Amino acid sequence: MLHCQLYYVAWTFNTCHIVEISEMKPDKRRCASTKDREFGGTLGATCIPVFLPLTVLYLLSVCRTPGAALLQWPPPLPPASQLWDPVAAALVLGWLTLQIVLYLFPVGKVAEGMVLRDGTKLRYPINGFHALCISAILLALSVWLGMPLGYLFELLVPLATCAMGLSFLLSLYLYIRSFWAPKHALALGGDTGNPLYDFFMGRELNPRIGSFDLKYFCELRPGLIGWVVINLGMLMKEVELRDSPSLAMLLVNGFQLLYVADALWNEEAVLTTMDIVHDGFGFMLAFGDLTWVPFTYSLQANFLVVHPQPLGPVGAAAIVFMNGVGYYIFRQSNSQKNQFRRDPTHPSVAGLETIPTATGKRLLVSGWWGLVRHPNYLGDLLMATAWTLPCGTSHILPYFYVLYFTVLLIHREARDERQCRSKYGLAWETYCRRVPYRIFPYIY
C-alpha cells in the first residue's frame, strides 16, 4: 500500500498486526451510526476526493520549481493546458490493458481468500511477480528499440490527470454496480445509506467481473508496478540531462524496486489485509491504488531530476545499512507472522509464546511481535526514511512521503487497535499489557 491509501500501501503490503485473523463470521450489523464512520464521515468523504487530486498536482508542480518549497503561496498548480495530453491517455490505457492481460495469464498458483459472510471463499491468481518480470522485459525491449522513457518526466502531470479520471470513473462504476450485489457481498463499513460516504468507502467488498477481481487487481498491479516504471523514467531523464544517473537516484530506484518486488513475491499475504478482508472497493482504494501510490511514492526520484544531490560513499553506505535493517525487520516480522498463521507447529514458531482468545485463535506475544505490536510498521518507516535521505536535507519536499507515511501508519494502528479490542476483548487487553509499545520500542 491511502493505500488515502490511503492505506495501501502499507497498504498495501502489511498484513494485519494480529498474528491470527479469524475467519469472517456472518454479521448482521449495518455500520450506519455516524460515530462509527471513518475519515471524518460525510464531511471527509466530500472533501477528500477534492483535496487529494489537488495535492497530487501540487506536489508534482512544486517538484519543478527552483526552490522546491513544500509550502508556497499562491500554490504552483499547473495551468489547464498542461493537464491533458493524448499520449498520456494512450499510455495509461495501454498500461492498464497490459496489466489486465498479465493478470489473466495462466501462470502461478491460485490461492483462496478468507471465508466470506456467506461461508464461501474466493480464489485469486498469485502471479503478480510474474507480471513484474514480464513488464520489466517488455520495458527493457522497448528502451532498446529506442523508446524515450525519460519523456515520462514531461508527461507526469497529464499522466496523473488521466489516472485521476480513471479513478473517478472506476469509483462511479463500482458504486452503481453495487446496488445489484447481494446483501452479503457488501462491506459493512460502506453500506451506510449515505451516498457520499458509501461512494468514498466502497459498498461492495469484492466486486468481480466473472473471475476478475477488480479490487485485488488494482491493489498490487497497475499502480505499484507503475511506480517502478515512473522511477525508471526519472532515472533515464537524469541520464539525458547529466549523461549518467547519480548515486542518489540509483539508491532510490534500487530501494523502491526491492520493496515492490518483495510485495509481489509475497502477494498471497495481501489476501488477509484490511484492504481485502474489511474495506469495500470505492474511491478511497481506487484513487490510492491508481493515482496516489505511483505519483506520490515516486516523489523522491522526481525531485532528484530537477534538484540533484551530492552523495558520498560513506553516506550511501549508511543509508544502505538503514534500508537493510528496515527491510530485515519488515520481512522477518511478516514472515514470522505468516508462518505461524500457516503452521503453528513449524519449528521456527513452535516455541513462541501465545495468548488464547475467545475466537479460538491465538495471538503471538513473543518473537518480533513481543517487541512492539507492529514491528512491520517499524521496518516500513526505517525503509521510508532511507528512501528519502539520498535527497539530502536542504528541502522538506522529498520528506513528504515519510511524514505522510508516519501519520498513515499511526492512524492505521489506531484503527486496528479499535477493531482488535472489539474482536478479542480481554485477550487483547492482556496482549497490550504484555507488549505496551505500538510501533517504536520505548517511545510509542
Protein backbone atom coordinates (compact mmCIF):
# COMPACT_ATOMS: atom_id res chain seq x y z
CA MET A 1 0.00 0.00 0.00
CA LEU A 2 -4.12 5.93 1.08
CA HIS A 3 -3.31 2.81 0.46
CA CYS A 4 -5.89 7.65 1.22
CA GLN A 5 -4.21 4.50 0.59
CA LEU A 6 -4.95 5.76 1.65
CA TYR A 7 -3.89 2.57 3.24
CA TYR A 8 -2.03 0.74 0.55
CA VAL A 9 0.31 0.62 0.60
CA ALA A 10 1.08 -0.10 3.88
CA TRP A 11 -1.25 -0.93 2.07
CA THR A 12 -0.60 -2.36 0.93
CA PHE A 13 1.81 -4.93 1.85
CA ASN A 14 1.46 -5.37 5.54
CA THR A 15 -0.92 -7.94 6.85
CA CYS A 16 -2.86 -7.13 9.99
CA HIS A 17 -0.67 -6.96 13.08
CA ILE A 18 -2.75 -9.62 14.75
CA VAL A 19 -0.97 -12.82 14.05
CA GLU A 20 -4.10 -14.83 13.58
CA ILE A 21 -7.10 -13.35 11.78
CA SER A 22 -10.16 -15.43 12.42
CA GLU A 23 -12.42 -16.25 9.54
CA MET A 24 -15.14 -13.70 8.96
CA LYS A 25 -18.37 -14.67 10.60
CA PRO A 26 -21.84 -13.66 9.47
CA ASP A 27 -22.58 -10.24 10.88
CA LYS A 28 -25.96 -8.61 10.57
CA ARG A 29 -24.79 -5.20 11.74
CA ARG A 30 -25.02 -2.27 9.41
CA CYS A 31 -22.41 0.37 10.02
CA ALA A 32 -24.89 3.21 9.82
CA SER A 33 -24.07 5.01 13.05
CA THR A 34 -22.41 8.35 12.47
CA LYS A 35 -19.93 7.75 15.28
CA ASP A 36 -18.66 4.61 13.53
CA ARG A 37 -17.83 6.40 10.30
CA GLU A 38 -14.18 6.96 9.48
CA PHE A 39 -12.20 9.71 7.74
CA GLY A 40 -14.46 12.45 9.10
CA GLY A 41 -17.72 10.84 7.99
CA THR A 42 -19.72 12.62 5.30
CA LEU A 43 -17.63 15.80 5.50
CA GLY A 44 -14.41 13.88 4.98
CA ALA A 45 -15.90 11.77 2.20
CA THR A 46 -16.92 15.00 0.44
CA CYS A 47 -13.68 16.92 0.88
CA ILE A 48 -11.05 14.20 0.45
CA PRO A 49 -11.92 13.40 -3.22
CA VAL A 50 -11.36 17.10 -3.96
CA PHE A 51 -8.31 17.62 -1.76
CA LEU A 52 -6.30 14.54 -2.79
CA PRO A 53 -6.18 15.21 -6.57
CA LEU A 54 -5.16 18.81 -5.88
CA THR A 55 -2.46 17.55 -3.52
CA VAL A 56 -1.01 15.25 -6.18
CA LEU A 57 -0.93 18.07 -8.76
CA TYR A 58 0.56 20.44 -6.21
CA LEU A 59 3.38 18.05 -5.27
CA LEU A 60 4.23 17.32 -8.90
CA SER A 61 4.29 21.05 -9.66
CA VAL A 62 6.38 22.02 -6.62
CA CYS A 63 9.00 19.47 -7.67
CA ARG A 64 9.59 21.51 -10.84
CA THR A 65 10.07 24.86 -9.06
CA PRO A 66 13.61 26.11 -8.38
CA GLY A 67 13.15 26.33 -4.62
CA ALA A 68 11.03 23.18 -4.26
CA ALA A 69 9.45 24.68 -1.14
CA LEU A 70 6.66 22.46 0.14
CA LEU A 71 4.60 25.43 1.34
CA GLN A 72 4.13 28.06 -1.37
CA TRP A 73 1.53 30.78 -1.95
CA PRO A 74 -0.01 31.08 -4.39
CA PRO A 75 0.21 27.31 -4.96
CA PRO A 76 2.05 26.46 -8.19
CA LEU A 77 -0.70 24.32 -9.70
CA PRO A 78 -0.27 23.58 -13.42
CA PRO A 79 -2.37 25.53 -15.94
CA ALA A 80 -5.30 23.72 -17.54
CA SER A 81 -3.40 23.41 -20.83
CA GLN A 82 -0.83 21.14 -19.16
CA LEU A 83 -3.34 18.74 -17.62
CA TRP A 84 -4.16 16.81 -20.77
CA ASP A 85 -2.08 15.05 -23.38
CA PRO A 86 -3.45 12.33 -25.68
CA VAL A 87 -0.14 10.47 -25.44
CA ALA A 88 -0.59 10.25 -21.67
CA ALA A 89 -4.13 8.90 -22.09
CA ALA A 90 -2.88 6.26 -24.53
CA LEU A 91 -0.09 5.25 -22.15
CA VAL A 92 -2.44 4.89 -19.18
CA LEU A 93 -4.94 2.80 -21.13
CA GLY A 94 -2.19 0.71 -22.70
CA TRP A 95 -0.53 0.09 -19.34
CA LEU A 96 -3.84 -0.89 -17.77
CA THR A 97 -4.57 -3.27 -20.64
CA LEU A 98 -1.14 -4.89 -20.35
CA GLN A 99 -1.59 -5.50 -16.62
CA ILE A 100 -5.07 -6.97 -17.17
CA VAL A 101 -3.63 -9.39 -19.73
CA LEU A 102 -0.82 -10.36 -17.33
CA TYR A 103 -3.34 -10.83 -14.51
CA LEU A 104 -5.32 -13.25 -16.68
CA PHE A 105 -2.20 -15.05 -17.88
CA PRO A 106 -2.39 -18.65 -16.56
CA VAL A 107 0.88 -18.78 -14.62
CA GLY A 108 1.49 -19.17 -10.90
CA LYS A 109 -0.74 -20.80 -8.34
CA VAL A 110 -4.29 -19.96 -7.32
CA ALA A 111 -4.94 -19.20 -3.64
CA GLU A 112 -8.12 -18.98 -1.59
CA GLY A 113 -9.03 -15.90 0.38
CA MET A 114 -10.68 -15.62 3.77
CA VAL A 115 -14.12 -17.07 4.43
CA LEU A 116 -16.83 -14.59 3.46
CA ARG A 117 -20.06 -13.89 5.32
CA ASP A 118 -21.95 -16.39 3.15
CA GLY A 119 -19.43 -19.12 4.03
CA THR A 120 -17.65 -19.16 0.65
CA LYS A 121 -14.05 -18.41 -0.31
CA LEU A 122 -12.90 -16.54 -3.39
CA ARG A 123 -9.96 -17.71 -5.48
CA TYR A 124 -7.14 -15.39 -6.54
CA PRO A 125 -4.30 -15.81 -9.06
CA ILE A 126 -0.89 -15.37 -7.44
CA ASN A 127 1.08 -14.16 -10.43
CA GLY A 128 1.98 -10.56 -9.56
CA PHE A 129 5.71 -11.24 -9.53
CA HIS A 130 5.40 -12.77 -12.99
CA ALA A 131 3.64 -9.57 -14.10
CA LEU A 132 6.53 -7.51 -12.73
CA CYS A 133 9.14 -9.61 -14.53
CA ILE A 134 7.29 -9.66 -17.85
CA SER A 135 6.68 -5.91 -17.59
CA ALA A 136 10.42 -5.39 -16.97
CA ILE A 137 11.35 -7.48 -20.02
CA LEU A 138 8.90 -5.60 -22.23
CA LEU A 139 10.14 -2.28 -20.89
CA ALA A 140 13.80 -3.19 -21.48
CA LEU A 141 12.96 -4.28 -25.02
CA SER A 142 11.12 -1.01 -25.67
CA VAL A 143 14.07 1.07 -24.41
CA TRP A 144 16.44 -0.99 -26.54
CA LEU A 145 14.24 -0.25 -29.56
CA GLY A 146 14.51 3.47 -28.87
CA MET A 147 11.52 4.35 -26.68
CA PRO A 148 12.36 7.63 -24.86
CA LEU A 149 11.46 6.51 -21.35
CA GLY A 150 12.78 9.80 -19.94
CA TYR A 151 9.83 11.53 -21.63
CA LEU A 152 7.71 10.30 -18.70
CA PHE A 153 9.15 13.26 -16.78
CA GLU A 154 7.42 15.72 -19.13
CA LEU A 155 4.22 13.64 -19.08
CA LEU A 156 3.89 13.22 -15.31
CA VAL A 157 1.16 15.83 -14.84
CA PRO A 158 -1.09 14.65 -17.72
CA LEU A 159 -0.42 11.03 -16.71
CA ALA A 160 -1.58 11.87 -13.18
CA THR A 161 -4.64 13.65 -14.59
CA CYS A 162 -5.58 10.59 -16.64
CA ALA A 163 -5.06 8.33 -13.62
CA MET A 164 -7.33 10.60 -11.57
CA GLY A 165 -10.02 10.47 -14.24
CA LEU A 166 -9.74 6.69 -14.35
CA SER A 167 -10.02 6.54 -10.53
CA PHE A 168 -13.20 8.62 -10.50
CA LEU A 169 -14.80 6.68 -13.36
CA LEU A 170 -13.95 3.35 -11.75
CA SER A 171 -15.33 4.54 -8.40
CA LEU A 172 -18.57 5.66 -10.01
CA TYR A 173 -18.92 2.31 -11.80
CA LEU A 174 -18.25 0.45 -8.55
CA TYR A 175 -20.85 2.48 -6.67
CA ILE A 176 -23.55 1.99 -9.31
CA ARG A 177 -22.95 -1.74 -9.78
CA SER A 178 -23.01 -2.32 -6.01
CA PHE A 179 -26.81 -1.87 -6.00
CA TRP A 180 -27.12 -5.14 -7.91
CA ALA A 181 -24.85 -7.01 -5.48
CA PRO A 182 -26.41 -9.35 -2.88
CA LYS A 183 -26.56 -8.05 0.66
CA HIS A 184 -23.91 -10.44 1.95
CA ALA A 185 -21.46 -9.12 -0.67
CA LEU A 186 -21.49 -5.56 0.72
CA ALA A 187 -18.80 -4.18 3.02
CA LEU A 188 -20.15 -3.44 6.48
CA GLY A 189 -18.33 -0.11 6.65
CA GLY A 190 -19.51 1.09 3.24
CA ASP A 191 -23.20 0.24 3.39
CA THR A 192 -24.45 3.17 5.46
CA GLY A 193 -27.10 4.55 3.12
CA ASN A 194 -25.19 7.84 2.76
CA PRO A 195 -24.28 8.15 -0.95
CA LEU A 196 -21.21 10.35 -0.48
CA TYR A 197 -19.74 8.25 2.29
CA ASP A 198 -20.51 4.94 0.58
CA PHE A 199 -19.02 6.20 -2.71
CA PHE A 200 -15.83 7.05 -0.83
CA MET A 201 -15.54 3.91 1.30
CA GLY A 202 -16.91 1.44 -1.26
CA ARG A 203 -20.17 -0.50 -0.90
CA GLU A 204 -19.17 -3.84 -2.42
CA LEU A 205 -16.46 -5.85 -0.69
CA ASN A 206 -15.16 -7.93 -3.61
CA PRO A 207 -16.52 -6.60 -6.93
CA ARG A 208 -15.80 -9.01 -9.75
CA ILE A 209 -16.42 -9.29 -13.47
CA GLY A 210 -16.57 -13.03 -13.84
CA SER A 211 -13.47 -14.29 -12.06
CA PHE A 212 -11.65 -10.95 -12.49
CA ASP A 213 -11.41 -9.35 -9.05
CA LEU A 214 -11.28 -5.58 -9.51
CA LYS A 215 -10.03 -4.68 -6.01
CA TYR A 216 -7.37 -7.37 -5.87
CA PHE A 217 -6.13 -6.43 -9.34
CA CYS A 218 -5.81 -2.73 -8.52
CA GLU A 219 -4.23 -3.38 -5.12
CA LEU A 220 -0.82 -4.58 -6.35
CA ARG A 221 -0.68 -4.36 -10.13
CA PRO A 222 -1.06 -1.20 -12.26
CA GLY A 223 -0.14 1.42 -9.67
CA LEU A 224 2.54 -0.48 -7.81
CA ILE A 225 4.43 -1.67 -10.89
CA GLY A 226 3.73 1.73 -12.46
CA TRP A 227 5.58 3.33 -9.55
CA VAL A 228 8.71 1.40 -10.54
CA VAL A 229 8.30 2.43 -14.19
CA ILE A 230 7.97 6.12 -13.26
CA ASN A 231 11.10 5.86 -11.11
CA LEU A 232 12.99 4.34 -14.02
CA GLY A 233 11.72 7.10 -16.29
CA MET A 234 13.13 9.68 -13.86
CA LEU A 235 16.47 7.85 -13.91
CA MET A 236 16.54 7.90 -17.71
CA LYS A 237 15.69 11.61 -17.70
CA GLU A 238 18.64 12.23 -15.41
CA VAL A 239 20.85 10.31 -17.84
CA GLU A 240 19.63 12.59 -20.64
CA LEU A 241 20.43 15.70 -18.61
CA ARG A 242 23.71 14.64 -16.98
CA ASP A 243 24.96 11.67 -19.05
CA SER A 244 24.78 9.24 -16.12
CA PRO A 245 22.49 8.51 -13.16
CA SER A 246 23.53 9.88 -9.80
CA LEU A 247 24.25 7.63 -6.83
CA ALA A 248 21.23 9.13 -5.06
CA MET A 249 18.94 8.25 -7.97
CA LEU A 250 20.32 4.71 -8.14
CA LEU A 251 19.68 4.18 -4.43
CA VAL A 252 16.10 5.47 -4.62
CA ASN A 253 15.36 3.26 -7.62
CA GLY A 254 17.01 0.22 -6.06
CA PHE A 255 15.36 0.55 -2.65
CA GLN A 256 11.88 1.06 -4.04
CA LEU A 257 12.25 -1.71 -6.62
CA LEU A 258 13.18 -4.09 -3.79
CA TYR A 259 10.06 -3.02 -1.87
CA VAL A 260 7.74 -3.55 -4.83
CA ALA A 261 9.36 -6.87 -5.77
CA ASP A 262 9.01 -8.06 -2.18
CA ALA A 263 5.32 -7.11 -2.13
CA LEU A 264 4.63 -9.02 -5.34
CA TRP A 265 6.78 -12.00 -4.34
CA ASN A 266 4.69 -12.25 -1.17
CA GLU A 267 1.46 -11.37 -2.97
CA GLU A 268 -0.58 -14.05 -1.22
CA ALA A 269 -0.17 -12.23 2.11
CA VAL A 270 -2.37 -9.37 0.83
CA LEU A 271 -5.39 -11.71 0.99
CA THR A 272 -5.53 -11.27 4.77
CA THR A 273 -5.02 -7.49 4.87
CA MET A 274 -7.63 -4.99 5.96
CA ASP A 275 -7.95 -3.70 2.39
CA ILE A 276 -9.10 -7.08 1.08
CA VAL A 277 -10.89 -8.51 4.11
CA HIS A 278 -12.64 -5.47 5.54
CA ASP A 279 -12.75 -2.43 3.23
CA GLY A 280 -15.13 -2.06 0.33
CA PHE A 281 -13.79 -1.02 -3.05
CA GLY A 282 -14.63 2.62 -3.57
CA PHE A 283 -12.87 5.90 -4.20
CA MET A 284 -10.56 5.54 -1.19
CA LEU A 285 -8.80 2.45 -2.50
CA ALA A 286 -9.27 3.15 -6.23
CA PHE A 287 -7.60 6.56 -6.05
CA GLY A 288 -4.95 5.27 -3.69
CA ASP A 289 -4.04 2.31 -5.89
CA LEU A 290 -4.15 4.02 -9.29
CA THR A 291 -3.06 7.60 -8.56
CA TRP A 292 -1.67 8.24 -5.09
CA VAL A 293 0.84 5.39 -5.00
CA PRO A 294 2.51 5.81 -8.41
CA PHE A 295 2.60 9.62 -8.42
CA THR A 296 3.42 10.48 -4.80
CA TYR A 297 5.57 7.49 -3.88
CA SER A 298 7.86 8.38 -6.81
CA LEU A 299 8.32 11.91 -5.47
CA GLN A 300 11.97 11.33 -4.45
CA ALA A 301 13.02 10.27 -7.95
CA ASN A 302 11.04 13.14 -9.47
CA PHE A 303 12.72 15.58 -7.09
CA LEU A 304 16.23 14.38 -7.95
CA VAL A 305 15.76 15.09 -11.65
CA VAL A 306 15.46 18.84 -11.02
CA HIS A 307 17.39 19.04 -7.75
CA PRO A 308 20.42 16.71 -7.92
CA GLN A 309 22.05 15.97 -4.58
CA PRO A 310 25.68 15.01 -3.88
CA LEU A 311 26.11 11.75 -2.01
CA GLY A 312 29.44 10.28 -0.94
CA PRO A 313 30.28 6.62 -0.39
CA VAL A 314 30.14 6.86 3.42
CA GLY A 315 26.72 8.48 3.40
CA ALA A 316 25.49 5.99 0.81
CA ALA A 317 26.75 3.07 2.89
CA ALA A 318 24.95 4.38 5.98
CA ILE A 319 21.70 4.78 4.03
CA VAL A 320 22.04 1.28 2.56
CA PHE A 321 22.56 -0.06 6.08
CA MET A 322 19.42 1.70 7.34
CA ASN A 323 17.36 0.35 4.48
CA GLY A 324 18.77 -3.14 5.09
CA VAL A 325 17.85 -3.02 8.79
CA GLY A 326 14.38 -1.78 7.97
CA TYR A 327 13.85 -4.43 5.32
CA TYR A 328 15.11 -7.16 7.67
CA ILE A 329 12.68 -6.15 10.41
CA PHE A 330 9.83 -5.77 7.90
CA ARG A 331 10.38 -9.11 6.20
CA GLN A 332 11.27 -11.18 9.26
CA SER A 333 8.30 -9.97 11.30
CA ASN A 334 5.87 -10.55 8.45
CA SER A 335 7.39 -13.97 7.68
CA GLN A 336 7.15 -15.00 11.34
CA LYS A 337 3.50 -14.00 11.45
CA ASN A 338 2.63 -15.66 8.17
CA GLN A 339 4.45 -18.87 9.14
CA PHE A 340 2.55 -19.00 12.43
CA ARG A 341 -0.71 -18.48 10.55
CA ARG A 342 0.05 -21.30 8.11
CA ASP A 343 1.53 -23.82 10.55
CA PRO A 344 1.80 -23.01 14.29
CA THR A 345 3.73 -26.27 14.80
CA HIS A 346 6.57 -25.28 12.47
CA PRO A 347 9.94 -25.39 14.31
CA SER A 348 10.59 -21.70 13.61
CA VAL A 349 7.48 -20.60 15.54
CA ALA A 350 6.52 -23.60 17.70
CA GLY A 351 8.42 -22.26 20.72
CA LEU A 352 6.90 -18.77 20.65
CA GLU A 353 4.61 -17.73 23.47
CA THR A 354 0.96 -17.09 22.60
CA ILE A 355 -2.24 -15.85 24.23
CA PRO A 356 -5.52 -17.73 23.61
CA THR A 357 -8.58 -15.74 22.54
CA ALA A 358 -12.32 -16.36 22.75
CA THR A 359 -12.41 -16.83 18.97
CA GLY A 360 -10.25 -19.96 19.20
CA LYS A 361 -7.28 -18.19 17.64
CA ARG A 362 -4.06 -17.24 19.41
CA LEU A 363 -2.02 -14.03 19.49
CA LEU A 364 1.76 -14.09 19.33
CA VAL A 365 3.31 -12.37 22.33
CA SER A 366 6.99 -13.14 21.77
CA GLY A 367 9.49 -13.00 18.94
CA TRP A 368 9.13 -9.89 16.78
CA TRP A 369 5.55 -9.46 17.97
CA GLY A 370 6.69 -9.29 21.57
CA LEU A 371 8.97 -6.34 20.80
CA VAL A 372 6.21 -3.99 19.59
CA ARG A 373 2.68 -4.57 18.36
CA HIS A 374 3.58 -3.56 14.81
CA PRO A 375 7.22 -4.48 14.08
CA ASN A 376 6.43 -4.49 10.34
CA TYR A 377 5.41 -0.82 10.59
CA LEU A 378 8.72 -0.05 12.31
CA GLY A 379 10.61 -1.67 9.44
CA ASP A 380 8.45 0.20 6.94
CA LEU A 381 9.27 3.58 8.48
CA LEU A 382 13.01 2.86 8.57
CA MET A 383 12.90 2.00 4.87
CA ALA A 384 10.83 5.09 4.06
CA THR A 385 13.47 7.25 5.77
CA ALA A 386 16.26 5.53 3.83
CA TRP A 387 14.43 6.20 0.56
CA THR A 388 14.36 9.92 1.34
CA LEU A 389 17.83 10.55 2.77
CA PRO A 390 19.50 10.39 -0.70
CA CYS A 391 17.57 13.61 -1.45
CA GLY A 392 19.61 15.49 1.15
CA THR A 393 18.37 17.64 4.00
CA SER A 394 18.04 21.06 2.36
CA HIS A 395 14.42 20.52 1.24
CA ILE A 396 11.43 19.18 3.14
CA LEU A 397 9.53 18.26 -0.04
CA PRO A 398 11.04 14.78 -0.55
CA TYR A 399 10.28 14.07 3.12
CA PHE A 400 6.57 14.43 2.40
CA TYR A 401 6.38 10.67 1.97
CA VAL A 402 7.96 9.95 5.36
CA LEU A 403 5.71 12.47 7.11
CA TYR A 404 2.60 11.22 5.36
CA PHE A 405 3.52 7.57 5.91
CA THR A 406 4.13 8.13 9.63
CA VAL A 407 0.70 9.73 10.04
CA LEU A 408 -0.83 6.98 7.92
CA LEU A 409 0.61 4.13 9.95
CA ILE A 410 -0.23 5.73 13.29
CA HIS A 411 -3.81 6.24 12.07
CA ARG A 412 -3.98 2.70 10.77
CA GLU A 413 -2.57 1.36 14.02
CA ALA A 414 -5.31 3.17 15.93
CA ARG A 415 -7.90 1.77 13.53
CA ASP A 416 -6.53 -1.75 14.04
CA GLU A 417 -6.50 -1.18 17.78
CA ARG A 418 -10.21 -0.38 17.90
CA GLN A 419 -11.17 -3.37 15.79
CA CYS A 420 -8.95 -5.80 17.68
CA ARG A 421 -10.10 -4.57 21.08
CA SER A 422 -13.69 -5.11 20.00
CA LYS A 423 -12.95 -8.52 18.50
CA TYR A 424 -10.57 -10.06 21.05
CA GLY A 425 -11.72 -8.33 24.27
CA LEU A 426 -9.78 -9.45 27.35
CA ALA A 427 -7.18 -11.30 25.30
CA TRP A 428 -6.30 -8.06 23.53
CA GLU A 429 -6.08 -6.22 26.86
CA THR A 430 -3.64 -8.89 28.06
CA TYR A 431 -1.62 -8.58 24.86
CA CYS A 432 -1.39 -4.79 25.24
CA ARG A 433 -0.15 -5.13 28.83
CA ARG A 434 2.50 -7.61 27.71
CA VAL A 435 3.50 -5.52 24.68
CA PRO A 436 2.98 -1.87 25.69
CA TYR A 437 4.76 -0.25 22.73
CA ARG A 438 2.86 0.08 19.47
CA ILE A 439 5.46 0.86 16.79
CA PHE A 440 8.63 2.39 18.29
CA PRO A 441 10.23 0.47 21.20
CA TYR A 442 10.31 2.53 24.41
CA ILE A 443 8.86 5.56 22.58
CA TYR A 444 5.38 4.85 21.20
